[in-house]
């Protein structure tokens, strides 16, 4: 448990659970950012409902805690595991 700042929690398995949740949120954020990049520059079609939805989801993701149910919902929506 030396690599974790909360090494004393590693024995209880709590740190791993937190680490996994963090990485799920990070993977969702990465996928949303990748989707925005692949769909073209933000100014290309500002009325594109898909881009608007991705931007809204990214903003929502950034505004919630790692254990918020929204993280799981977005993981399902964007097929992030």
C-alpha atoms as a PDB file:
ATOM      1  CA  UNK A   1       0.000   0.000   0.000  1.00  0.00           C
ATOM      2  CA  UNK A   2       2.965   2.394  -0.206  1.00  0.00           C
ATOM      3  CA  UNK A   3       1.893   3.789  -3.588  1.00  0.00           C
ATOM      4  CA  UNK A   4      -1.407   4.964  -2.081  1.00  0.00           C
ATOM      5  CA  UNK A   5      -1.493   8.070   0.087  1.00  0.00           C
ATOM      6  CA  UNK A   6      -4.144   6.265   2.152  1.00  0.00           C
ATOM      7  CA  UNK A   7      -2.060   3.118   2.641  1.00  0.00           C
ATOM      8  CA  UNK A   8      -3.832   2.199   5.863  1.00  0.00           C
ATOM      9  CA  UNK A   9      -7.076   1.796   3.904  1.00  0.00           C
ATOM     10  CA  UNK A  10      -5.558  -0.491   1.287  1.00  0.00           C
ATOM     11  CA  UNK A  11      -5.827  -3.495   3.604  1.00  0.00           C
ATOM     12  CA  UNK A  12      -9.572  -2.980   3.860  1.00  0.00           C
ATOM     13  CA  UNK A  13      -9.843  -2.789   0.063  1.00  0.00           C
ATOM     14  CA  UNK A  14     -11.314   0.704   0.265  1.00  0.00           C
ATOM     15  CA  UNK A  15      -8.568   2.423  -1.671  1.00  0.00           C
ATOM     16  CA  UNK A  16      -8.935   0.109  -4.657  1.00  0.00           C
ATOM     17  CA  UNK A  17     -12.663   0.815  -4.810  1.00  0.00           C
ATOM     18  CA  UNK A  18     -12.016   4.567  -4.764  1.00  0.00           C
ATOM     19  CA  UNK A  19      -9.264   4.191  -7.378  1.00  0.00           C
ATOM     20  CA  UNK A  20     -11.610   2.253  -9.678  1.00  0.00           C
ATOM     21  CA  UNK A  21     -14.336   4.844  -9.327  1.00  0.00           C
ATOM     22  CA  UNK A  22     -11.875   7.630 -10.072  1.00  0.00           C
ATOM     23  CA  UNK A  23     -10.638   5.869 -13.159  1.00  0.00           C
ATOM     24  CA  UNK A  24     -14.196   5.240 -14.399  1.00  0.00           C
ATOM     25  CA  UNK A  25     -14.919   8.963 -14.222  1.00  0.00           C
ATOM     26  CA  UNK A  26     -11.582   9.661 -15.936  1.00  0.00           C
ATOM     27  CA  UNK A  27     -12.351   7.148 -18.694  1.00  0.00           C
ATOM     28  CA  UNK A  28     -15.759   8.733 -19.291  1.00  0.00           C
ATOM     29  CA  UNK A  29     -14.178  12.199 -19.438  1.00  0.00           C
ATOM     30  CA  UNK A  30     -11.523  10.931 -21.884  1.00  0.00           C
ATOM     31  CA  UNK A  31     -14.154   9.360 -24.121  1.00  0.00           C
ATOM     32  CA  UNK A  32     -16.293  12.523 -24.162  1.00  0.00           C
ATOM     33  CA  UNK A  33     -13.280  14.700 -24.977  1.00  0.00           C
ATOM     34  CA  UNK A  34     -12.225  12.255 -27.699  1.00  0.00           C
ATOM     35  CA  UNK A  35     -15.736  12.345 -29.161  1.00  0.00           C
ATOM     36  CA  UNK A  36     -15.686  16.146 -29.262  1.00  0.00           C
ATOM     37  CA  UNK A  37     -12.304  16.104 -30.995  1.00  0.00           C
ATOM     38  CA  UNK A  38     -13.382  13.484 -33.545  1.00  0.00           C
ATOM     39  CA  UNK A  39     -16.664  15.275 -34.289  1.00  0.00           C
ATOM     40  CA  UNK A  40     -14.772  18.365 -35.376  1.00  0.00           C
ATOM     41  CA  UNK A  41     -14.008  21.782 -33.971  1.00  0.00           C
ATOM     42  CA  UNK A  42     -16.561  23.222 -31.578  1.00  0.00           C
ATOM     43  CA  UNK A  43     -17.400  26.031 -33.983  1.00  0.00           C
ATOM     44  CA  UNK A  44     -18.110  23.739 -36.945  1.00  0.00           C
ATOM     45  CA  UNK A  45     -21.810  23.151 -36.295  1.00  0.00           C
ATOM     46  CA  UNK A  46     -22.801  24.799 -33.044  1.00  0.00           C
ATOM     47  CA  UNK A  47     -26.401  23.613 -33.478  1.00  0.00           C
ATOM     48  CA  UNK A  48     -25.413  19.920 -33.716  1.00  0.00           C
ATOM     49  CA  UNK A  49     -27.585  18.300 -31.008  1.00  0.00           C
ATOM     50  CA  UNK A  50     -25.075  15.480 -30.490  1.00  0.00           C
ATOM     51  CA  UNK A  51     -22.240  17.892 -29.754  1.00  0.00           C
ATOM     52  CA  UNK A  52     -24.482  19.928 -27.450  1.00  0.00           C
ATOM     53  CA  UNK A  53     -25.397  16.719 -25.599  1.00  0.00           C
ATOM     54  CA  UNK A  54     -21.765  15.623 -25.251  1.00  0.00           C
ATOM     55  CA  UNK A  55     -20.733  19.059 -23.960  1.00  0.00           C
ATOM     56  CA  UNK A  56     -23.644  19.058 -21.479  1.00  0.00           C
ATOM     57  CA  UNK A  57     -22.726  15.562 -20.270  1.00  0.00           C
ATOM     58  CA  UNK A  58     -19.075  16.573 -19.885  1.00  0.00           C
ATOM     59  CA  UNK A  59     -20.046  19.623 -17.835  1.00  0.00           C
ATOM     60  CA  UNK A  60     -22.394  17.503 -15.700  1.00  0.00           C
ATOM     61  CA  UNK A  61     -19.651  14.901 -15.166  1.00  0.00           C
ATOM     62  CA  UNK A  62     -17.205  17.574 -14.050  1.00  0.00           C
ATOM     63  CA  UNK A  63     -19.723  18.978 -11.563  1.00  0.00           C
ATOM     64  CA  UNK A  64     -20.501  15.779  -9.628  1.00  0.00           C
ATOM     65  CA  UNK A  65     -18.586  13.705  -7.099  1.00  0.00           C
ATOM     66  CA  UNK A  66     -16.888  10.493  -8.214  1.00  0.00           C
ATOM     67  CA  UNK A  67     -19.539   8.369  -6.505  1.00  0.00           C
ATOM     68  CA  UNK A  68     -22.526  10.250  -7.944  1.00  0.00           C
ATOM     69  CA  UNK A  69     -25.052   7.986  -9.737  1.00  0.00           C
ATOM     70  CA  UNK A  70     -24.635  10.187 -12.823  1.00  0.00           C
ATOM     71  CA  UNK A  71     -21.145   8.723 -13.335  1.00  0.00           C
ATOM     72  CA  UNK A  72     -22.675   5.247 -13.744  1.00  0.00           C
ATOM     73  CA  UNK A  73     -25.420   6.609 -16.030  1.00  0.00           C
ATOM     74  CA  UNK A  74     -22.892   8.276 -18.315  1.00  0.00           C
ATOM     75  CA  UNK A  75     -20.744   5.143 -18.326  1.00  0.00           C
ATOM     76  CA  UNK A  76     -23.753   3.229 -19.621  1.00  0.00           C
ATOM     77  CA  UNK A  77     -24.705   5.892 -22.134  1.00  0.00           C
ATOM     78  CA  UNK A  78     -21.222   6.069 -23.640  1.00  0.00           C
ATOM     79  CA  UNK A  79     -20.400   2.383 -23.167  1.00  0.00           C
ATOM     80  CA  UNK A  80     -17.426   3.044 -20.866  1.00  0.00           C
ATOM     81  CA  UNK A  81     -16.464   0.143 -18.601  1.00  0.00           C
END
